[in-house]
Amino acid sequence: AQLEEQRENFGNAERAYLKAIDIVSEAADQYSKVQWVRDELSLTVRQYMTMLEGRGRKAKGEEYFRAMVEKYPDFEELHRQNARRIRLGNDPVTGLSAAIEAYPEREAYFLNRATHHAETGNWSASHEDYDVGFSLGEDQSAREHYRAALLSLAADDRRGFKTYCDKVLEKFLSSDEPSGTNFASAWTCALAPSAVDDYEPAITLARRSVGSKPSNQQYLGGLGAILMRAGRYDEALAQLEKALEAGESDNTSSSYIHYFLAMTEHHLGNAEAAQTHLNQANEVAESELASTPAWNRKLTLELLRKEAESQIDDPNGEPHVD
């Protein structure tokens, strides 16, 4: 099918895709619990849909995809694709709401509606949907915990935020996960103060990520941030300065580092340095916000800016020197 598509023999390509789907469907009927069969069916259907959309036959592709979802309602992979397809369509809220009514036990529809609400700034609705979707899942990643915690903060649900922080540490502290998971787990707990009663597990995870990539700006900034939350300001200052020296990274924002440096210097009683870093953070943040960043970066910038300004710009605010 792919070869015929490359040759622009689209009639032959379509027949070959349908034959491939028939073959893998037979396997799916017999071995519905085997993961590679599920993945192969999902991939083949997606490739067929992509070809149809490229030929201006999007409606047919969507009709075919809906039929496959109805035929294999237990295939989570198809639901994930279906949910994403609806979210990127013309009326995502209506489409995803209808899908939720049809498949109320499928997390993908709630999470994609939550993402749409977040992208439009409806934090309360996004938080509500993410909570439901999260509860329906069985193996959420550290990144999903992070998003759930961030949306809890946006909805002013501090109890929910602390719950997700406790969950991510409990799940990943003893696991053999890649460095990115260690970072995401620790960063979740650094998003706001008083995230956990004991910061040592989060610090351990942050140190693991830095240990795997010592010059990674994102990981260094995450370690500095969690050390600041733990009240270890001198250590936090050293790590955050290392993060700045590491150079820019697309995976993070230097404004995060400056905001945490501003708050760290404030706690150390260095008012001038705190104000300098706050000004630098705001300058970078304003530039990023003007370029319409992803919803999670936008929200993180707004939360950190509000917190830092409330500490440093408050004339009655007192530094907390240990």
Protein backbone atom coordinates (compact mmCIF):
# COMPACT_ATOMS: atom_id res chain seq x y z
CA ALA A 1 0.00 0.00 0.00
CA GLN A 2 2.77 2.43 0.89
CA LEU A 3 4.66 1.64 -2.31
CA GLU A 4 1.57 2.18 -4.45
CA GLU A 5 0.88 5.43 -2.60
CA GLN A 6 4.41 6.64 -3.32
CA ARG A 7 3.84 5.84 -6.99
CA GLU A 8 0.55 7.76 -6.80
CA ASN A 9 -1.42 4.64 -7.74
CA PHE A 10 -4.05 5.56 -5.16
CA GLY A 11 -6.67 3.05 -6.25
CA ASN A 12 -4.20 0.21 -5.81
CA ALA A 13 -2.99 1.75 -2.54
CA GLU A 14 -6.50 1.86 -1.13
CA ARG A 15 -7.17 -1.76 -2.04
CA ALA A 16 -3.87 -2.79 -0.46
CA TYR A 17 -4.59 -0.87 2.75
CA LEU A 18 -8.03 -2.46 3.05
CA LYS A 19 -6.50 -5.89 2.49
CA ALA A 20 -3.89 -5.19 5.17
CA ILE A 21 -6.62 -4.07 7.56
CA ASP A 22 -8.62 -7.23 6.83
CA ILE A 23 -5.58 -9.38 7.63
CA VAL A 24 -4.77 -7.66 10.90
CA SER A 25 -8.48 -7.59 11.80
CA GLU A 26 -8.55 -11.38 11.57
CA ALA A 27 -5.64 -11.48 13.99
CA ALA A 28 -7.40 -8.97 16.25
CA ASP A 29 -10.53 -11.12 16.32
CA GLN A 30 -8.48 -14.09 17.51
CA TYR A 31 -5.86 -12.37 19.67
CA SER A 32 -7.59 -9.25 20.94
CA LYS A 33 -5.46 -9.13 24.12
CA VAL A 34 -2.10 -9.21 22.33
CA GLN A 35 -0.62 -5.71 22.39
CA TRP A 36 1.28 -5.84 19.09
CA VAL A 37 -1.92 -6.86 17.29
CA ARG A 38 -3.71 -3.85 18.77
CA ASP A 39 -0.84 -1.57 17.81
CA GLU A 40 -0.66 -2.94 14.26
CA LEU A 41 -4.38 -2.49 13.69
CA SER A 42 -4.27 1.05 15.03
CA LEU A 43 -1.24 1.93 12.89
CA THR A 44 -2.69 0.46 9.68
CA VAL A 45 -6.02 2.21 10.12
CA ARG A 46 -4.24 5.51 10.77
CA GLN A 47 -2.11 5.13 7.64
CA TYR A 48 -5.22 4.45 5.57
CA MET A 49 -6.99 7.49 7.03
CA THR A 50 -3.96 9.69 6.33
CA MET A 51 -3.98 8.65 2.68
CA LEU A 52 -7.69 9.36 2.36
CA GLU A 53 -7.32 12.78 3.96
CA GLY A 54 -4.43 13.58 1.62
CA ARG A 55 -6.72 12.77 -1.31
CA GLY A 56 -9.48 15.09 -0.06
CA ARG A 57 -11.62 12.22 1.24
CA LYS A 58 -11.52 13.09 4.91
CA ALA A 59 -15.21 12.35 5.48
CA LYS A 60 -14.81 8.79 4.24
CA GLY A 61 -11.75 8.31 6.41
CA GLU A 62 -13.60 9.52 9.50
CA GLU A 63 -16.59 7.30 8.72
CA TYR A 64 -14.31 4.28 8.35
CA PHE A 65 -12.47 5.10 11.55
CA ARG A 66 -15.70 5.41 13.55
CA ALA A 67 -16.74 2.00 12.25
CA MET A 68 -13.46 0.47 13.43
CA VAL A 69 -13.85 2.04 16.90
CA GLU A 70 -17.35 0.58 17.13
CA LYS A 71 -16.11 -2.83 15.98
CA TYR A 72 -13.26 -2.90 18.52
CA PRO A 73 -14.56 -0.89 21.50
CA ASP A 74 -11.98 -2.42 23.86
CA PHE A 75 -8.96 -1.25 21.83
CA GLU A 76 -7.67 1.76 23.79
CA GLU A 77 -5.25 2.61 20.97
CA LEU A 78 -8.13 3.26 18.57
CA HIS A 79 -9.89 5.40 21.17
CA ARG A 80 -6.74 7.50 21.65
CA GLN A 81 -6.50 8.13 17.92
CA ASN A 82 -10.21 8.84 17.70
CA ALA A 83 -10.08 11.30 20.60
CA ARG A 84 -7.12 13.16 19.11
CA ARG A 85 -8.83 13.25 15.70
CA ILE A 86 -11.95 14.80 17.25
CA ARG A 87 -9.92 17.32 19.28
CA LEU A 88 -8.23 18.59 16.13
CA GLY A 89 -11.55 18.88 14.31
CA ASN A 90 -13.92 21.80 13.87
CA ASP A 91 -16.09 21.31 16.98
CA PRO A 92 -14.02 19.40 19.53
CA VAL A 93 -16.20 19.99 22.60
CA THR A 94 -19.35 18.69 20.93
CA GLY A 95 -17.52 15.76 19.34
CA LEU A 96 -15.66 14.73 22.47
CA SER A 97 -18.77 15.13 24.63
CA ALA A 98 -20.65 12.77 22.31
CA ALA A 99 -17.78 10.30 22.47
CA ILE A 100 -17.79 10.49 26.28
CA GLU A 101 -21.49 9.72 26.28
CA ALA A 102 -20.88 6.70 24.04
CA TYR A 103 -17.71 5.52 25.82
CA PRO A 104 -17.79 6.92 29.39
CA GLU A 105 -15.12 4.50 30.58
CA ARG A 106 -12.47 5.65 28.08
CA GLU A 107 -9.88 8.06 29.49
CA ALA A 108 -8.74 9.35 26.09
CA TYR A 109 -11.91 11.37 25.47
CA PHE A 110 -11.79 13.08 28.87
CA LEU A 111 -8.07 13.85 28.56
CA ASN A 112 -8.44 15.28 25.07
CA ARG A 113 -11.39 17.42 26.11
CA ALA A 114 -9.30 18.54 29.09
CA THR A 115 -6.49 19.47 26.69
CA HIS A 116 -8.86 21.47 24.52
CA HIS A 117 -10.21 23.33 27.56
CA ALA A 118 -6.63 24.04 28.69
CA GLU A 119 -5.69 25.35 25.25
CA THR A 120 -8.62 27.80 25.45
CA GLY A 121 -7.85 28.82 29.05
CA ASN A 122 -10.85 27.13 30.66
CA TRP A 123 -8.83 25.83 33.61
CA SER A 124 -11.73 24.74 35.79
CA ALA A 125 -13.31 22.56 33.08
CA SER A 126 -9.91 21.20 32.10
CA HIS A 127 -9.11 20.26 35.69
CA GLU A 128 -12.44 18.50 36.09
CA ASP A 129 -12.01 16.46 32.90
CA TYR A 130 -8.39 15.62 33.66
CA ASP A 131 -9.32 14.33 37.10
CA VAL A 132 -11.93 12.00 35.60
CA GLY A 133 -9.67 10.84 32.78
CA PHE A 134 -6.80 10.26 35.18
CA SER A 135 -8.99 8.12 37.43
CA LEU A 136 -9.97 5.93 34.48
CA GLY A 137 -6.39 5.19 33.42
CA GLU A 138 -4.27 2.32 34.65
CA ASP A 139 -0.67 3.33 34.00
CA GLN A 140 -0.30 7.10 33.89
CA SER A 141 3.12 8.54 33.11
CA ALA A 142 4.98 11.10 35.20
CA ARG A 143 4.07 13.68 32.57
CA GLU A 144 0.37 12.96 33.07
CA HIS A 145 0.80 13.38 36.83
CA TYR A 146 2.53 16.71 36.14
CA ARG A 147 -0.31 17.95 33.93
CA ALA A 148 -2.92 16.89 36.47
CA ALA A 149 -1.03 18.68 39.26
CA LEU A 150 -0.60 21.82 37.16
CA LEU A 151 -4.31 21.95 36.32
CA SER A 152 -5.15 21.48 40.00
CA LEU A 153 -3.15 24.64 40.75
CA ALA A 154 -4.90 26.50 37.94
CA ALA A 155 -8.26 25.57 39.45
CA ASP A 156 -7.03 26.56 42.93
CA ASP A 157 -7.35 22.96 44.12
CA ARG A 158 -4.38 22.76 46.49
CA ARG A 159 -5.52 19.48 47.98
CA GLY A 160 -5.65 17.94 44.51
CA PHE A 161 -2.20 19.32 43.73
CA LYS A 162 -0.72 17.73 46.85
CA THR A 163 -2.46 14.44 46.07
CA TYR A 164 -0.92 14.24 42.59
CA CYS A 165 2.51 15.11 44.02
CA ASP A 166 2.22 12.30 46.56
CA LYS A 167 1.09 9.90 43.83
CA VAL A 168 3.94 10.68 41.43
CA LEU A 169 6.57 10.22 44.12
CA GLU A 170 5.03 7.00 45.36
CA LYS A 171 4.88 5.57 41.84
CA PHE A 172 8.28 6.55 40.46
CA LEU A 173 10.68 6.83 43.42
CA SER A 174 11.49 3.12 43.41
CA SER A 175 11.00 2.48 39.71
CA ASP A 176 13.70 1.98 37.09
CA GLU A 177 12.53 4.76 34.82
CA PRO A 178 14.48 6.97 32.38
CA SER A 179 15.88 10.30 33.48
CA GLY A 180 13.03 12.25 31.91
CA THR A 181 10.57 10.54 34.23
CA ASN A 182 12.73 11.37 37.25
CA PHE A 183 12.80 15.02 36.21
CA ALA A 184 9.03 15.21 35.54
CA SER A 185 8.26 13.64 38.92
CA ALA A 186 10.45 16.13 40.79
CA TRP A 187 9.30 19.11 38.70
CA THR A 188 5.68 18.29 39.51
CA CYS A 189 6.47 18.88 43.19
CA ALA A 190 8.31 22.14 42.41
CA LEU A 191 5.36 23.86 40.76
CA ALA A 192 4.13 25.46 43.99
CA PRO A 193 5.08 25.65 47.68
CA SER A 194 4.05 23.07 50.28
CA ALA A 195 3.63 20.32 47.69
CA VAL A 196 4.73 17.50 49.99
CA ASP A 197 5.56 17.01 53.66
CA ASP A 198 8.98 15.52 52.86
CA TYR A 199 10.95 16.83 49.89
CA GLU A 200 13.75 14.29 50.11
CA PRO A 201 12.17 11.79 47.65
CA ALA A 202 11.66 14.57 45.07
CA ILE A 203 15.26 15.74 45.57
CA THR A 204 16.45 12.17 45.06
CA LEU A 205 14.60 11.94 41.75
CA ALA A 206 15.94 15.31 40.62
CA ARG A 207 19.49 14.26 41.46
CA ARG A 208 19.04 11.08 39.43
CA SER A 209 18.07 13.08 36.36
CA VAL A 210 21.08 15.41 36.75
CA GLY A 211 23.33 12.42 37.35
CA SER A 212 22.31 10.99 33.99
CA LYS A 213 22.84 14.30 32.12
CA PRO A 214 24.95 16.69 34.21
CA SER A 215 24.87 19.55 31.69
CA ASN A 216 21.14 19.42 30.91
CA GLN A 217 19.63 22.85 31.67
CA GLN A 218 16.15 21.46 32.29
CA TYR A 219 17.37 18.87 34.79
CA LEU A 220 19.67 21.33 36.59
CA GLY A 221 16.84 23.84 36.85
CA GLY A 222 14.52 21.16 38.20
CA LEU A 223 17.01 20.21 40.91
CA GLY A 224 17.50 23.85 41.86
CA ALA A 225 13.75 24.41 41.98
CA ILE A 226 13.01 21.46 44.26
CA LEU A 227 15.91 22.42 46.55
CA MET A 228 14.41 25.89 46.85
CA ARG A 229 11.02 24.40 47.73
CA ALA A 230 12.75 22.35 50.42
CA GLY A 231 14.25 25.51 51.93
CA ARG A 232 17.81 24.59 51.00
CA TYR A 233 18.52 27.97 49.47
CA ASP A 234 22.31 27.93 49.19
CA GLU A 235 22.22 24.58 47.38
CA ALA A 236 19.35 25.80 45.22
CA LEU A 237 21.28 28.92 44.23
CA ALA A 238 24.28 26.86 43.11
CA GLN A 239 22.19 24.52 40.95
CA LEU A 240 20.09 27.29 39.41
CA GLU A 241 23.22 29.24 38.46
CA LYS A 242 24.60 26.08 36.85
CA ALA A 243 21.36 25.79 34.90
CA LEU A 244 21.79 29.29 33.49
CA GLU A 245 25.38 28.53 32.55
CA ALA A 246 24.27 25.38 30.70
CA GLY A 247 22.74 27.48 27.91
CA GLU A 248 19.27 27.67 26.39
CA SER A 249 17.14 24.57 25.86
CA ASP A 250 13.92 24.07 23.91
CA ASN A 251 12.69 21.74 26.65
CA THR A 252 12.45 24.45 29.28
CA SER A 253 12.31 28.21 29.71
CA SER A 254 15.11 30.27 31.20
CA SER A 255 12.37 32.37 32.80
CA TYR A 256 11.61 29.41 35.08
CA ILE A 257 15.20 29.50 36.30
CA HIS A 258 15.14 33.27 36.81
CA TYR A 259 11.86 33.08 38.76
CA PHE A 260 13.31 30.44 41.07
CA LEU A 261 16.53 32.44 41.38
CA ALA A 262 14.48 35.53 42.25
CA MET A 263 12.64 33.67 45.01
CA THR A 264 15.85 32.02 46.24
CA GLU A 265 17.69 35.34 46.48
CA HIS A 266 14.65 36.81 48.24
CA HIS A 267 14.76 34.07 50.86
CA LEU A 268 18.50 34.67 51.30
CA GLY A 269 17.84 38.36 51.91
CA ASN A 270 19.46 39.59 48.67
CA ALA A 271 16.80 42.05 47.57
CA GLU A 272 18.71 43.61 44.67
CA ALA A 273 19.61 40.24 43.14
CA ALA A 274 16.04 39.04 43.62
CA GLN A 275 14.66 42.04 41.75
CA THR A 276 17.20 41.64 38.95
CA HIS A 277 16.23 38.03 38.36
CA LEU A 278 12.53 38.88 38.56
CA ASN A 279 12.97 41.55 35.88
CA GLN A 280 14.89 39.12 33.66
CA ALA A 281 12.27 36.42 34.18
CA ASN A 282 9.43 38.78 33.27
CA GLU A 283 11.22 39.97 30.15
CA VAL A 284 11.70 36.41 28.87
CA ALA A 285 8.19 35.38 29.95
CA GLU A 286 6.53 38.26 28.13
CA SER A 287 8.36 37.33 24.94
CA GLU A 288 7.33 33.69 25.26
CA LEU A 289 3.71 34.46 26.09
CA ALA A 290 3.50 36.70 23.03
CA SER A 291 4.43 33.73 20.84
CA THR A 292 1.50 31.59 22.07
CA PRO A 293 3.32 28.77 23.85
CA ALA A 294 1.83 25.39 24.76
CA TRP A 295 -0.83 25.67 27.45
CA ASN A 296 1.30 24.04 30.15
CA ARG A 297 4.21 26.44 29.60
CA LYS A 298 1.84 29.42 29.56
CA LEU A 299 0.24 28.31 32.80
CA THR A 300 3.57 27.57 34.50
CA LEU A 301 4.92 30.99 33.53
CA GLU A 302 1.82 32.70 34.92
CA LEU A 303 1.89 30.76 38.19
CA LEU A 304 5.59 31.33 38.83
CA ARG A 305 5.36 34.99 37.90
CA LYS A 306 2.46 35.55 40.28
CA GLU A 307 4.27 33.80 43.13
CA ALA A 308 7.59 35.56 42.60
CA GLU A 309 6.01 39.00 42.27
CA SER A 310 3.90 38.47 45.38
CA GLN A 311 7.10 37.85 47.37
CA ILE A 312 9.42 40.43 45.89
CA ASP A 313 7.12 43.32 44.96
CA ASP A 314 5.20 43.23 48.24
CA PRO A 315 6.55 46.08 50.35
CA ASN A 316 5.54 44.18 53.50
CA GLY A 317 7.18 40.94 52.36
CA GLU A 318 9.95 39.78 54.61
CA PRO A 319 12.92 37.68 53.45
CA HIS A 320 13.16 34.28 55.07
CA VAL A 321 16.80 33.81 55.97
CA ASP A 322 17.71 30.43 57.45
